[in-house]
Amino acid sequence: MNTQKQEADVLDLQLVATIVYIGSLIISIFLTYNDKMDVLNLDKIFTEKQNRNLSIFNRFLVVILTLVFLYASYETRRLAKIKGEKLENFNLQVMASEISLISTLIVLYVVIKSQGEQYSIISGISNPNL
């Protein structure tokens, strides 16, 4: 398989992952809105259990997406190496993807650890898509 076809395949993978990521952001919007309704003592969209399960699902989804983007970064770097390109920027991209994976795993751990307790994503609003 030539590198041009492999690059196109990596870009296709990134397109699909980006579309799924947009879906994850929409879930985050609904979860945040639900928490806002809870704070204002108004009717919520989800029950506490639904909110917790959806939050855990969304965090798992983000971890999987982060793994996909990490794989894409590795593949892009590998293809750049085959083509003889400088790898410095590709190495930085891989490092950024690895750091993102660590942060998503920490957020997932916090959500799972706090399961059964009064947990709100409000504390994660600074970056709700993690």
N, C-alpha and C. Protein backbone atom coordinates (compact mmCIF):
# COMPACT_ATOMS: atom_id res chain seq x y z
N MET A 1 0.85 -1.18 0.00
CA MET A 1 0.00 0.00 0.00
C MET A 1 0.90 1.24 0.00
N ASN A 2 0.63 2.19 -0.88
CA ASN A 2 1.48 3.37 -0.94
C ASN A 2 1.13 4.35 0.17
N THR A 3 2.06 5.25 0.44
CA THR A 3 1.88 6.17 1.57
C THR A 3 0.72 7.13 1.35
N GLN A 4 0.45 7.47 0.09
CA GLN A 4 -0.67 8.38 -0.18
C GLN A 4 -2.00 7.75 0.24
N LYS A 5 -2.18 6.48 -0.07
CA LYS A 5 -3.40 5.76 0.33
C LYS A 5 -3.46 5.63 1.84
N GLN A 6 -2.33 5.36 2.47
CA GLN A 6 -2.30 5.24 3.93
C GLN A 6 -2.63 6.57 4.60
N GLU A 7 -2.11 7.67 4.05
CA GLU A 7 -2.43 8.99 4.58
C GLU A 7 -3.92 9.28 4.45
N ALA A 8 -4.51 8.92 3.33
CA ALA A 8 -5.94 9.11 3.12
C ALA A 8 -6.74 8.29 4.12
N ASP A 9 -6.28 7.06 4.41
CA ASP A 9 -6.96 6.21 5.38
C ASP A 9 -6.91 6.83 6.78
N VAL A 10 -5.77 7.39 7.14
CA VAL A 10 -5.64 8.04 8.45
C VAL A 10 -6.57 9.24 8.52
N LEU A 11 -6.65 10.00 7.44
CA LEU A 11 -7.55 11.16 7.42
C LEU A 11 -9.02 10.73 7.50
N ASP A 12 -9.37 9.62 6.85
CA ASP A 12 -10.73 9.09 6.96
C ASP A 12 -11.05 8.71 8.41
N LEU A 13 -10.10 8.06 9.06
CA LEU A 13 -10.27 7.70 10.46
C LEU A 13 -10.47 8.95 11.32
N GLN A 14 -9.68 9.98 11.07
CA GLN A 14 -9.81 11.23 11.82
C GLN A 14 -11.15 11.90 11.57
N LEU A 15 -11.65 11.83 10.33
CA LEU A 15 -12.96 12.41 10.03
C LEU A 15 -14.06 11.71 10.82
N VAL A 16 -14.04 10.40 10.83
CA VAL A 16 -15.05 9.65 11.58
C VAL A 16 -14.95 9.96 13.07
N ALA A 17 -13.73 9.96 13.60
CA ALA A 17 -13.53 10.24 15.02
C ALA A 17 -13.99 11.66 15.36
N THR A 18 -13.77 12.60 14.48
CA THR A 18 -14.19 13.97 14.72
C THR A 18 -15.71 14.08 14.76
N ILE A 19 -16.38 13.35 13.87
CA ILE A 19 -17.85 13.35 13.88
C ILE A 19 -18.37 12.76 15.19
N VAL A 20 -17.78 11.66 15.64
CA VAL A 20 -18.18 11.05 16.90
C VAL A 20 -17.87 12.01 18.05
N TYR A 21 -16.76 12.73 17.96
CA TYR A 21 -16.38 13.70 18.98
C TYR A 21 -17.42 14.81 19.08
N ILE A 22 -17.95 15.24 17.96
CA ILE A 22 -19.02 16.25 17.98
C ILE A 22 -20.23 15.71 18.73
N GLY A 23 -20.55 14.43 18.52
CA GLY A 23 -21.62 13.79 19.27
C GLY A 23 -21.34 13.81 20.77
N SER A 24 -20.09 13.56 21.14
CA SER A 24 -19.71 13.60 22.55
C SER A 24 -19.87 15.01 23.12
N LEU A 25 -19.54 16.00 22.34
CA LEU A 25 -19.72 17.39 22.79
C LEU A 25 -21.20 17.70 23.01
N ILE A 26 -22.05 17.18 22.14
CA ILE A 26 -23.49 17.39 22.30
C ILE A 26 -23.97 16.75 23.60
N ILE A 27 -23.49 15.55 23.88
CA ILE A 27 -23.83 14.90 25.15
C ILE A 27 -23.36 15.78 26.32
N SER A 28 -22.16 16.33 26.22
CA SER A 28 -21.65 17.21 27.28
C SER A 28 -22.53 18.43 27.47
N ILE A 29 -23.04 18.97 26.38
CA ILE A 29 -23.94 20.13 26.47
C ILE A 29 -25.19 19.75 27.24
N PHE A 30 -25.79 18.61 26.91
CA PHE A 30 -26.99 18.17 27.62
C PHE A 30 -26.71 17.90 29.10
N LEU A 31 -25.57 17.28 29.40
CA LEU A 31 -25.22 17.02 30.80
C LEU A 31 -25.02 18.32 31.57
N THR A 32 -24.37 19.29 30.96
CA THR A 32 -24.15 20.57 31.61
C THR A 32 -25.48 21.30 31.82
N TYR A 33 -26.34 21.26 30.82
CA TYR A 33 -27.66 21.89 30.94
C TYR A 33 -28.47 21.21 32.05
N ASN A 34 -28.37 19.89 32.12
CA ASN A 34 -29.07 19.15 33.18
C ASN A 34 -28.58 19.59 34.56
N ASP A 35 -27.26 19.76 34.70
CA ASP A 35 -26.70 20.22 35.97
C ASP A 35 -27.17 21.64 36.29
N LYS A 36 -27.27 22.47 35.28
CA LYS A 36 -27.77 23.84 35.50
C LYS A 36 -29.20 23.80 36.02
N MET A 37 -30.03 22.95 35.43
CA MET A 37 -31.42 22.82 35.89
C MET A 37 -31.46 22.32 37.33
N ASP A 38 -30.54 21.43 37.67
CA ASP A 38 -30.46 20.91 39.03
C ASP A 38 -30.09 22.02 40.01
N VAL A 39 -29.12 22.83 39.65
CA VAL A 39 -28.69 23.94 40.51
C VAL A 39 -29.83 24.94 40.72
N LEU A 40 -30.62 25.17 39.68
CA LEU A 40 -31.72 26.13 39.76
C LEU A 40 -33.00 25.50 40.31
N ASN A 41 -32.93 24.23 40.70
CA ASN A 41 -34.09 23.49 41.22
C ASN A 41 -35.25 23.48 40.24
N LEU A 42 -34.94 23.30 38.97
CA LEU A 42 -35.94 23.19 37.92
C LEU A 42 -35.98 21.74 37.43
N ASP A 43 -36.99 21.44 36.60
CA ASP A 43 -37.11 20.09 36.06
C ASP A 43 -35.88 19.75 35.22
N LYS A 44 -35.28 18.61 35.53
CA LYS A 44 -34.08 18.17 34.82
C LYS A 44 -34.46 17.28 33.65
N ILE A 45 -33.53 17.16 32.72
CA ILE A 45 -33.72 16.29 31.57
C ILE A 45 -33.54 14.83 31.99
N PHE A 46 -32.54 14.57 32.82
CA PHE A 46 -32.17 13.22 33.21
C PHE A 46 -32.34 13.03 34.72
N THR A 47 -32.62 11.78 35.12
CA THR A 47 -32.59 11.45 36.54
C THR A 47 -31.12 11.40 36.98
N GLU A 48 -30.87 11.32 38.26
CA GLU A 48 -29.49 11.23 38.76
C GLU A 48 -28.78 10.02 38.17
N LYS A 49 -29.47 8.89 38.14
CA LYS A 49 -28.85 7.66 37.62
C LYS A 49 -28.55 7.81 36.12
N GLN A 50 -29.49 8.35 35.36
CA GLN A 50 -29.26 8.56 33.93
C GLN A 50 -28.10 9.54 33.71
N ASN A 51 -28.07 10.59 34.51
CA ASN A 51 -27.01 11.59 34.40
C ASN A 51 -25.64 10.95 34.66
N ARG A 52 -25.57 10.14 35.71
CA ARG A 52 -24.32 9.47 36.06
C ARG A 52 -23.90 8.48 34.97
N ASN A 53 -24.85 7.66 34.51
CA ASN A 53 -24.53 6.67 33.47
C ASN A 53 -24.12 7.34 32.16
N LEU A 54 -24.81 8.39 31.78
CA LEU A 54 -24.47 9.12 30.56
C LEU A 54 -23.11 9.79 30.68
N SER A 55 -22.82 10.31 31.86
CA SER A 55 -21.52 10.94 32.08
C SER A 55 -20.40 9.91 31.97
N ILE A 56 -20.59 8.74 32.58
CA ILE A 56 -19.58 7.68 32.49
C ILE A 56 -19.42 7.21 31.05
N PHE A 57 -20.54 7.01 30.35
CA PHE A 57 -20.49 6.61 28.95
C PHE A 57 -19.72 7.65 28.13
N ASN A 58 -20.02 8.91 28.34
CA ASN A 58 -19.38 9.97 27.57
C ASN A 58 -17.88 10.02 27.86
N ARG A 59 -17.50 9.81 29.10
CA ARG A 59 -16.07 9.81 29.44
C ARG A 59 -15.36 8.62 28.79
N PHE A 60 -16.01 7.43 28.79
CA PHE A 60 -15.43 6.28 28.10
C PHE A 60 -15.28 6.57 26.61
N LEU A 61 -16.30 7.19 26.03
CA LEU A 61 -16.27 7.54 24.62
C LEU A 61 -15.10 8.47 24.32
N VAL A 62 -14.88 9.44 25.18
CA VAL A 62 -13.78 10.38 24.97
C VAL A 62 -12.42 9.67 25.09
N VAL A 63 -12.31 8.72 26.01
CA VAL A 63 -11.06 7.95 26.12
C VAL A 63 -10.82 7.17 24.82
N ILE A 64 -11.86 6.54 24.31
CA ILE A 64 -11.72 5.78 23.06
C ILE A 64 -11.33 6.71 21.91
N LEU A 65 -11.98 7.86 21.84
CA LEU A 65 -11.64 8.83 20.79
C LEU A 65 -10.21 9.33 20.93
N THR A 66 -9.78 9.53 22.14
CA THR A 66 -8.41 9.98 22.38
C THR A 66 -7.42 8.90 21.91
N LEU A 67 -7.76 7.64 22.15
CA LEU A 67 -6.92 6.55 21.66
C LEU A 67 -6.87 6.52 20.13
N VAL A 68 -8.00 6.79 19.50
CA VAL A 68 -8.05 6.82 18.03
C VAL A 68 -7.16 7.94 17.51
N PHE A 69 -7.26 9.12 18.12
CA PHE A 69 -6.43 10.24 17.68
C PHE A 69 -4.95 9.97 17.97
N LEU A 70 -4.66 9.29 19.07
CA LEU A 70 -3.27 8.92 19.36
C LEU A 70 -2.75 7.96 18.29
N TYR A 71 -3.55 6.98 17.92
CA TYR A 71 -3.17 6.05 16.86
C TYR A 71 -2.92 6.81 15.55
N ALA A 72 -3.81 7.75 15.24
CA ALA A 72 -3.64 8.55 14.02
C ALA A 72 -2.35 9.35 14.06
N SER A 73 -2.00 9.85 15.23
CA SER A 73 -0.75 10.60 15.38
C SER A 73 0.46 9.70 15.14
N TYR A 74 0.41 8.50 15.71
CA TYR A 74 1.50 7.54 15.49
C TYR A 74 1.63 7.18 14.01
N GLU A 75 0.49 6.93 13.37
CA GLU A 75 0.51 6.57 11.95
C GLU A 75 1.03 7.73 11.10
N THR A 76 0.62 8.93 11.41
CA THR A 76 1.08 10.10 10.66
C THR A 76 2.58 10.27 10.81
N ARG A 77 3.08 10.06 12.03
CA ARG A 77 4.52 10.15 12.26
C ARG A 77 5.27 9.04 11.50
N ARG A 78 4.71 7.84 11.51
CA ARG A 78 5.33 6.72 10.80
C ARG A 78 5.41 7.01 9.31
N LEU A 79 4.33 7.53 8.76
CA LEU A 79 4.30 7.85 7.34
C LEU A 79 5.26 8.98 7.01
N ALA A 80 5.37 9.95 7.88
CA ALA A 80 6.31 11.06 7.67
C ALA A 80 7.74 10.54 7.68
N LYS A 81 8.01 9.58 8.56
CA LYS A 81 9.35 8.99 8.63
C LYS A 81 9.67 8.26 7.33
N ILE A 82 8.70 7.52 6.81
CA ILE A 82 8.90 6.81 5.54
C ILE A 82 9.20 7.79 4.42
N LYS A 83 8.52 8.94 4.44
CA LYS A 83 8.71 9.94 3.39
C LYS A 83 9.95 10.80 3.61
N GLY A 84 10.63 10.60 4.74
CA GLY A 84 11.86 11.33 5.01
C GLY A 84 11.65 12.75 5.51
N GLU A 85 10.47 13.03 6.05
CA GLU A 85 10.18 14.37 6.56
C GLU A 85 10.77 14.54 7.96
N LYS A 86 10.94 15.80 8.37
CA LYS A 86 11.38 16.07 9.74
C LYS A 86 10.29 15.60 10.70
N LEU A 87 10.71 15.00 11.80
CA LEU A 87 9.76 14.39 12.72
C LEU A 87 9.45 15.23 13.96
N GLU A 88 10.12 16.36 14.13
CA GLU A 88 9.95 17.13 15.36
C GLU A 88 8.49 17.49 15.62
N ASN A 89 7.79 18.05 14.64
CA ASN A 89 6.39 18.42 14.84
C ASN A 89 5.50 17.20 15.05
N PHE A 90 5.80 16.12 14.37
CA PHE A 90 5.03 14.89 14.53
C PHE A 90 5.23 14.31 15.93
N ASN A 91 6.47 14.38 16.43
CA ASN A 91 6.74 13.91 17.79
C ASN A 91 5.99 14.74 18.82
N LEU A 92 5.93 16.05 18.60
CA LEU A 92 5.18 16.92 19.52
C LEU A 92 3.69 16.58 19.49
N GLN A 93 3.17 16.27 18.31
CA GLN A 93 1.77 15.90 18.18
C GLN A 93 1.48 14.59 18.92
N VAL A 94 2.38 13.63 18.80
CA VAL A 94 2.21 12.36 19.52
C VAL A 94 2.26 12.62 21.02
N MET A 95 3.20 13.44 21.46
CA MET A 95 3.32 13.75 22.89
C MET A 95 2.04 14.43 23.40
N ALA A 96 1.50 15.35 22.64
CA ALA A 96 0.26 16.02 23.03
C ALA A 96 -0.89 15.02 23.12
N SER A 97 -0.95 14.08 22.19
CA SER A 97 -1.99 13.05 22.23
C SER A 97 -1.84 12.15 23.45
N GLU A 98 -0.60 11.83 23.80
CA GLU A 98 -0.36 10.99 24.99
C GLU A 98 -0.78 11.73 26.26
N ILE A 99 -0.48 13.00 26.33
CA ILE A 99 -0.88 13.80 27.50
C ILE A 99 -2.40 13.90 27.58
N SER A 100 -3.05 14.07 26.42
CA SER A 100 -4.52 14.11 26.39
C SER A 100 -5.11 12.80 26.88
N LEU A 101 -4.49 11.69 26.50
CA LEU A 101 -4.97 10.39 26.96
C LEU A 101 -4.87 10.29 28.49
N ILE A 102 -3.78 10.74 29.03
CA ILE A 102 -3.62 10.71 30.49
C ILE A 102 -4.71 11.53 31.17
N SER A 103 -4.97 12.72 30.64
CA SER A 103 -5.99 13.58 31.27
C SER A 103 -7.39 12.96 31.14
N THR A 104 -7.70 12.35 30.01
CA THR A 104 -9.02 11.73 29.88
C THR A 104 -9.17 10.53 30.80
N LEU A 105 -8.08 9.79 31.00
CA LEU A 105 -8.14 8.66 31.94
C LEU A 105 -8.34 9.14 33.37
N ILE A 106 -7.71 10.24 33.74
CA ILE A 106 -7.90 10.79 35.08
C ILE A 106 -9.35 11.23 35.29
N VAL A 107 -9.91 11.92 34.30
CA VAL A 107 -11.30 12.38 34.41
C VAL A 107 -12.24 11.18 34.49
N LEU A 108 -12.01 10.15 33.69
CA LEU A 108 -12.83 8.94 33.75
C LEU A 108 -12.72 8.30 35.14
N TYR A 109 -11.52 8.23 35.67
CA TYR A 109 -11.32 7.67 37.01
C TYR A 109 -12.12 8.44 38.05
N VAL A 110 -12.09 9.76 37.97
CA VAL A 110 -12.83 10.59 38.94
C VAL A 110 -14.32 10.32 38.84
N VAL A 111 -14.84 10.23 37.62
CA VAL A 111 -16.28 9.99 37.44
C VAL A 111 -16.66 8.62 37.99
N ILE A 112 -15.86 7.61 37.70
CA ILE A 112 -16.16 6.25 38.19
C ILE A 112 -15.99 6.18 39.70
N LYS A 113 -14.94 6.80 40.23
CA LYS A 113 -14.68 6.76 41.67
C LYS A 113 -15.80 7.43 42.46
N SER A 114 -16.37 8.48 41.89
CA SER A 114 -17.42 9.20 42.60
C SER A 114 -18.80 8.63 42.33
N GLN A 115 -18.86 7.50 41.62
CA GLN A 115 -20.15 6.87 41.33
C GLN A 115 -20.86 6.53 42.63
N GLY A 116 -22.13 6.86 42.69
CA GLY A 116 -22.91 6.60 43.89
C GLY A 116 -22.89 7.77 44.85
N GLU A 117 -21.96 8.68 44.68
CA GLU A 117 -21.92 9.88 45.49
C GLU A 117 -22.62 10.99 44.72
N GLN A 118 -22.86 12.09 45.38
CA GLN A 118 -23.42 13.24 44.68
C GLN A 118 -22.31 13.81 43.82
N TYR A 119 -22.36 13.51 42.54
CA TYR A 119 -21.33 13.99 41.61
C TYR A 119 -21.97 14.86 40.56
N SER A 120 -21.32 15.93 40.25
CA SER A 120 -21.80 16.82 39.22
C SER A 120 -20.65 17.10 38.28
N ILE A 121 -20.96 17.29 37.00
CA ILE A 121 -19.90 17.64 36.06
C ILE A 121 -19.56 19.12 36.16
N ILE A 122 -20.21 19.83 37.07
CA ILE A 122 -19.96 21.25 37.21
C ILE A 122 -18.48 21.50 37.47
N SER A 123 -17.86 20.67 38.27
CA SER A 123 -16.43 20.85 38.53
C SER A 123 -15.60 20.65 37.29
N GLY A 124 -16.13 19.97 36.27
CA GLY A 124 -15.41 19.74 35.04
C GLY A 124 -15.79 20.68 33.91
N ILE A 125 -16.56 21.72 34.24
CA ILE A 125 -17.04 22.61 33.20
C ILE A 125 -15.90 23.35 32.53
N SER A 126 -14.77 23.53 33.21
CA SER A 126 -13.67 24.20 32.58
C SER A 126 -13.24 23.49 31.31
N ASN A 127 -13.47 22.19 31.24
CA ASN A 127 -13.21 21.44 30.02
C ASN A 127 -14.19 20.28 29.94
N PRO A 128 -15.46 20.55 29.62
CA PRO A 128 -16.49 19.51 29.68
C PRO A 128 -16.30 18.39 28.67
N ASN A 129 -15.48 18.62 27.63
CA ASN A 129 -15.34 17.56 26.65
C ASN A 129 -14.28 16.55 27.04
N LEU A 130 -13.61 16.75 28.16
CA LEU A 130 -12.69 15.72 28.64
C LEU A 130 -13.51 14.65 29.23
